[in-house]
C-alpha atoms as a PDB file:
ATOM      1  CA  MET A   1     106.154 174.404  98.990  1.00  0.00           C
ATOM      2  CA  THR A   2     108.224 172.137 101.161  1.00  0.00           C
ATOM      3  CA  GLY A   3     111.442 170.238 100.985  1.00  0.00           C
ATOM      4  CA  VAL A   4     112.903 166.830 101.520  1.00  0.00           C
ATOM      5  CA  LEU A   5     116.458 166.996 102.711  1.00  0.00           C
ATOM      6  CA  GLY A   6     118.882 164.311 101.755  1.00  0.00           C
ATOM      7  CA  ASP A   7     119.558 162.238  98.701  1.00  0.00           C
ATOM      8  CA  LEU A   8     116.314 161.214  96.990  1.00  0.00           C
ATOM      9  CA  SER A   9     118.105 158.251  95.435  1.00  0.00           C
ATOM     10  CA  LEU A  10     118.241 156.649  98.877  1.00  0.00           C
ATOM     11  CA  GLY A  11     114.761 155.249  98.531  1.00  0.00           C
ATOM     12  CA  TYR A  12     112.208 157.868  99.483  1.00  0.00           C
ATOM     13  CA  LEU A  13     109.683 156.527  96.948  1.00  0.00           C
ATOM     14  CA  ARG A  14     107.853 154.378  99.498  1.00  0.00           C
ATOM     15  CA  ALA A  15     107.820 157.176 102.092  1.00  0.00           C
ATOM     16  CA  LEU A  16     106.502 159.685  99.541  1.00  0.00           C
ATOM     17  CA  PHE A  17     103.985 157.609  97.581  1.00  0.00           C
ATOM     18  CA  ASP A  18     102.880 154.463  99.485  1.00  0.00           C
ATOM     19  CA  SER A  19      99.157 154.925 100.172  1.00  0.00           C
ATOM     20  CA  ARG A  20      99.458 152.800 103.311  1.00  0.00           C
ATOM     21  CA  ARG A  21     101.615 155.556 104.808  1.00  0.00           C
ATOM     22  CA  LEU A  22      99.223 158.485 104.452  1.00  0.00           C
ATOM     23  CA  ALA A  23      99.710 159.464 108.110  1.00  0.00           C
ATOM     24  CA  GLU A  24     103.513 159.583 107.889  1.00  0.00           C
ATOM     25  CA  PRO A  25     105.468 162.857 107.570  1.00  0.00           C
ATOM     26  CA  LEU A  26     106.687 162.531 103.976  1.00  0.00           C
ATOM     27  CA  GLN A  27     103.313 161.544 102.506  1.00  0.00           C
ATOM     28  CA  TYR A  28     102.273 165.219 102.456  1.00  0.00           C
ATOM     29  CA  ALA A  29     100.755 164.892  98.974  1.00  0.00           C
ATOM     30  CA  GLN A  30      98.239 162.378 100.389  1.00  0.00           C
ATOM     31  CA  TYR A  31      98.737 160.443  97.161  1.00  0.00           C
ATOM     32  CA  ALA A  32      97.056 157.041  96.908  1.00  0.00           C
ATOM     33  CA  SER A  33      97.469 154.637  94.010  1.00  0.00           C
ATOM     34  CA  ALA A  34      96.904 150.885  94.192  1.00  0.00           C
ATOM     35  CA  ALA A  35      99.122 150.482  91.105  1.00  0.00           C
ATOM     36  CA  VAL A  36     101.985 152.303  92.842  1.00  0.00           C
ATOM     37  CA  ASP A  37     101.501 150.197  95.982  1.00  0.00           C
ATOM     38  CA  ARG A  38     101.708 147.006  93.907  1.00  0.00           C
ATOM     39  CA  ALA A  39     104.838 148.231  92.093  1.00  0.00           C
ATOM     40  CA  LEU A  40     106.470 149.198  95.405  1.00  0.00           C
ATOM     41  CA  ASP A  41     105.702 145.754  96.832  1.00  0.00           C
ATOM     42  CA  ALA A  42     107.174 144.120  93.715  1.00  0.00           C
ATOM     43  CA  GLY A  43     110.280 146.301  93.923  1.00  0.00           C
ATOM     44  CA  ASP A  44     109.578 147.663  90.436  1.00  0.00           C
ATOM     45  CA  LEU A  45     110.885 151.188  90.960  1.00  0.00           C
ATOM     46  CA  ALA A  46     110.836 151.953  87.239  1.00  0.00           C
ATOM     47  CA  GLU A  47     107.078 151.275  87.201  1.00  0.00           C
ATOM     48  CA  VAL A  48     106.610 153.441  90.316  1.00  0.00           C
ATOM     49  CA  GLN A  49     108.412 156.269  88.567  1.00  0.00           C
ATOM     50  CA  ARG A  50     106.340 155.849  85.376  1.00  0.00           C
ATOM     51  CA  ILE A  51     103.044 156.012  87.290  1.00  0.00           C
ATOM     52  CA  VAL A  52     104.099 158.922  89.488  1.00  0.00           C
ATOM     53  CA  ALA A  53     105.374 160.828  86.430  1.00  0.00           C
ATOM     54  CA  ARG A  54     101.980 160.301  84.771  1.00  0.00           C
ATOM     55  CA  ASP A  55      99.906 161.225  87.846  1.00  0.00           C
ATOM     56  CA  LEU A  56     102.247 164.014  89.027  1.00  0.00           C
ATOM     57  CA  PRO A  57     101.004 164.270  92.637  1.00  0.00           C
ATOM     58  CA  ILE A  58     103.951 166.535  93.523  1.00  0.00           C
ATOM     59  CA  THR A  59     106.589 168.381  91.543  1.00  0.00           C
ATOM     60  CA  PHE A  60     110.225 168.611  92.534  1.00  0.00           C
ATOM     61  CA  LEU A  61     111.521 172.041  91.588  1.00  0.00           C
ATOM     62  CA  TYR A  62     115.175 171.460  92.332  1.00  0.00           C
ATOM     63  CA  HIS A  63     117.579 169.385  94.378  1.00  0.00           C
ATOM     64  CA  ALA A  64     120.191 171.362  96.258  1.00  0.00           C
ATOM     65  CA  ARG A  65     123.219 169.745  97.787  1.00  0.00           C
ATOM     66  CA  GLY A  66     124.387 171.065 101.104  1.00  0.00           C
ATOM     67  CA  LEU A  67     126.990 170.596 103.749  1.00  0.00           C
ATOM     68  CA  GLN A  68     125.960 170.080 107.329  1.00  0.00           C
ATOM     69  CA  GLY A  69     128.028 170.092 110.469  1.00  0.00           C
ATOM     70  CA  MET A  70     127.351 170.200 114.153  1.00  0.00           C
ATOM     71  CA  SER A  71     129.145 171.293 117.290  1.00  0.00           C
ATOM     72  CA  ARG A  72     129.712 168.617 119.937  1.00  0.00           C
ATOM     73  CA  ARG A  73     128.077 171.040 122.392  1.00  0.00           C
ATOM     74  CA  VAL A  74     124.690 170.735 120.698  1.00  0.00           C
ATOM     75  CA  ARG A  75     122.510 168.181 122.487  1.00  0.00           C
ATOM     76  CA  GLY A  76     119.035 166.787 121.865  1.00  0.00           C
ATOM     77  CA  VAL A  77     119.501 166.485 118.106  1.00  0.00           C
ATOM     78  CA  ARG A  78     117.540 163.700 116.469  1.00  0.00           C
ATOM     79  CA  MET A  79     117.582 163.465 112.690  1.00  0.00           C
ATOM     80  CA  ASP A  80     114.708 162.056 110.675  1.00  0.00           C
ATOM     81  CA  LEU A  81     113.555 161.937 107.047  1.00  0.00           C
ATOM     82  CA  ARG A  82     111.985 165.386 107.309  1.00  0.00           C
ATOM     83  CA  GLY A  83     115.440 166.918 107.694  1.00  0.00           C
ATOM     84  CA  GLU A  84     117.800 168.143 110.322  1.00  0.00           C
ATOM     85  CA  LEU A  85     115.563 170.945 111.598  1.00  0.00           C
ATOM     86  CA  ALA A  86     112.467 168.851 112.336  1.00  0.00           C
ATOM     87  CA  THR A  87     113.477 168.419 115.983  1.00  0.00           C
ATOM     88  CA  LEU A  88     114.954 171.888 116.477  1.00  0.00           C
ATOM     89  CA  ARG A  89     112.714 172.704 119.450  1.00  0.00           C
ATOM     90  CA  ARG A  90     114.463 169.937 121.456  1.00  0.00           C
ATOM     91  CA  TRP A  91     117.995 171.139 120.767  1.00  0.00           C
ATOM     92  CA  HIS A  92     120.060 172.807 123.474  1.00  0.00           C
ATOM     93  CA  LEU A  93     123.635 173.962 123.801  1.00  0.00           C
ATOM     94  CA  ASP A  94     125.956 172.721 126.549  1.00  0.00           C
ATOM     95  CA  PRO A  95     128.034 175.467 128.138  1.00  0.00           C
ATOM     96  CA  PRO A  96     131.669 175.794 127.050  1.00  0.00           C
ATOM     97  CA  ALA A  97     134.161 173.456 128.787  1.00  0.00           C
ATOM     98  CA  ARG A  98     135.513 176.284 131.012  1.00  0.00           C
ATOM     99  CA  ALA A  99     132.087 177.070 132.408  1.00  0.00           C
ATOM    100  CA  ARG A 100     131.610 173.427 133.432  1.00  0.00           C
ATOM    101  CA  GLU A 101     134.823 173.273 135.519  1.00  0.00           C
END
């Protein structure tokens, strides 16, 4: 079980199902379909959805909405399609303003 953070309506279909992106982070299902690739290239998202619904390479259990925020003291944050915690190991916290004076 895994998750994709963000709004799936923003166009994650290519990232999730394009067989030419098997090495990319969101293609964790390792799904490959020439018909889906052709539909993606044609911009026929309805056809992509029909094929994926038939093949069912992954199942979305739910979509939760959340609220994120960040302190200005947090540094090293880099967001990507895998979500806000994918780069957590690079994050660090600047000391409070008083400690810097």
